[in-house]
């Protein structure tokens, strides 16, 4: 998607647009079924999720060393994806009853 945006590849972006429309419809259905909160625009859910993923791949060289013990950052992609999903799906606030880290 990043290259398509940079190159203004309208053919590729048209296909992405169809995927986004499909995703929005699926998210709306999940909202109607009570599986997702209904007070958030489904387009914004997709934009946020894609933004979190694409930002990592365009800037990870700036963040890779501090986020992993591995000097070559071989695990950084998997580690980021795991944390990104936790943050995206559960938020960053502690769960009820969860003790502060290190205690």
Protein backbone atom coordinates (compact mmCIF):
# COMPACT_ATOMS: atom_id res chain seq x y z
CA UNK A 1 0.00 0.00 0.00
CA UNK A 2 2.87 2.35 0.79
CA UNK A 3 4.39 1.99 -2.66
CA UNK A 4 1.00 2.32 -4.32
CA UNK A 5 0.43 5.61 -2.48
CA UNK A 6 3.89 6.92 -3.34
CA UNK A 7 3.53 5.98 -7.00
CA UNK A 8 -0.10 7.10 -7.12
CA UNK A 9 -1.05 3.68 -8.49
CA UNK A 10 -4.79 4.22 -8.90
CA UNK A 11 -5.39 0.69 -10.20
CA UNK A 12 -3.96 -0.91 -7.08
CA UNK A 13 -5.63 1.62 -4.80
CA UNK A 14 -8.98 0.86 -6.46
CA UNK A 15 -8.60 -2.76 -5.38
CA UNK A 16 -7.63 -1.63 -1.89
CA UNK A 17 -10.74 0.54 -1.83
CA UNK A 18 -12.90 -2.51 -2.51
CA UNK A 19 -11.21 -4.37 0.34
CA UNK A 20 -11.80 -1.43 2.65
CA UNK A 21 -15.49 -1.28 1.67
CA UNK A 22 -15.81 -4.99 2.39
CA UNK A 23 -14.05 -4.55 5.74
CA UNK A 24 -16.30 -1.64 6.70
CA UNK A 25 -19.38 -3.72 5.98
CA UNK A 26 -18.07 -6.64 8.06
CA UNK A 27 -17.25 -4.31 10.94
CA UNK A 28 -20.74 -2.76 10.76
CA UNK A 29 -22.23 -6.24 10.96
CA UNK A 30 -20.07 -7.00 14.01
CA UNK A 31 -21.23 -3.73 15.59
CA UNK A 32 -24.88 -4.60 14.94
CA UNK A 33 -24.31 -7.99 16.60
CA UNK A 34 -22.75 -6.34 19.64
CA UNK A 35 -19.33 -7.86 18.97
CA UNK A 36 -17.71 -4.43 18.57
CA UNK A 37 -18.51 -1.11 20.15
CA UNK A 38 -21.01 0.82 18.05
CA UNK A 39 -19.81 4.34 18.85
CA UNK A 40 -16.80 4.16 16.51
CA UNK A 41 -16.91 4.69 12.74
CA UNK A 42 -15.86 1.38 11.14
CA UNK A 43 -13.78 3.28 8.58
CA UNK A 44 -11.75 4.71 11.43
CA UNK A 45 -11.17 1.24 12.83
CA UNK A 46 -9.69 0.16 9.50
CA UNK A 47 -7.66 3.36 9.07
CA UNK A 48 -6.24 3.01 12.58
CA UNK A 49 -5.38 -0.65 12.17
CA UNK A 50 -3.73 -0.21 8.78
CA UNK A 51 -1.91 2.87 10.05
CA UNK A 52 -0.46 0.98 13.00
CA UNK A 53 0.80 -1.78 10.73
CA UNK A 54 2.16 0.33 7.88
CA UNK A 55 3.85 2.84 10.16
CA UNK A 56 5.91 0.03 11.70
CA UNK A 57 7.15 -1.21 8.34
CA UNK A 58 8.07 2.26 7.11
CA UNK A 59 9.85 3.36 10.31
CA UNK A 60 10.99 0.21 12.11
CA UNK A 61 14.63 0.95 11.32
CA UNK A 62 14.30 3.91 13.69
CA UNK A 63 12.72 1.86 16.49
CA UNK A 64 14.06 -1.65 16.00
CA UNK A 65 17.06 -1.64 18.33
CA UNK A 66 15.25 -0.35 21.42
CA UNK A 67 12.32 -2.78 21.02
CA UNK A 68 14.18 -6.07 20.99
CA UNK A 69 17.12 -7.86 22.56
CA UNK A 70 18.05 -9.23 19.12
CA UNK A 71 20.66 -6.91 17.54
CA UNK A 72 19.44 -7.85 14.05
CA UNK A 73 15.80 -7.31 15.05
CA UNK A 74 14.79 -10.69 13.70
CA UNK A 75 11.93 -10.96 16.20
CA UNK A 76 10.93 -7.31 16.05
CA UNK A 77 8.17 -7.77 13.44
CA UNK A 78 6.49 -10.57 15.39
CA UNK A 79 6.93 -8.77 18.71
CA UNK A 80 5.44 -5.57 17.31
CA UNK A 81 2.50 -7.40 15.72
CA UNK A 82 1.71 -9.19 19.00
CA UNK A 83 1.78 -5.93 20.98
CA UNK A 84 -0.04 -3.98 18.27
CA UNK A 85 -2.90 -6.47 18.34
CA UNK A 86 -3.06 -6.40 22.15
CA UNK A 87 -3.10 -2.59 22.18
CA UNK A 88 -5.59 -2.35 19.32
CA UNK A 89 -7.99 -4.94 20.70
CA UNK A 90 -7.60 -4.41 24.46
CA UNK A 91 -6.26 -0.86 24.80
CA UNK A 92 -3.43 0.27 27.02
CA UNK A 93 -5.27 0.68 30.30
CA UNK A 94 -4.69 -2.08 32.87
CA UNK A 95 -7.38 -4.67 33.29
CA UNK A 96 -9.30 -4.61 36.54
CA UNK A 97 -7.28 -6.30 39.26
CA UNK A 98 -4.08 -6.33 37.23
CA UNK A 99 -1.15 -5.32 39.47
CA UNK A 100 1.33 -2.70 38.27
CA UNK A 101 4.23 -4.20 36.34
CA UNK A 102 7.07 -5.38 38.53
CA UNK A 103 4.94 -5.77 41.66
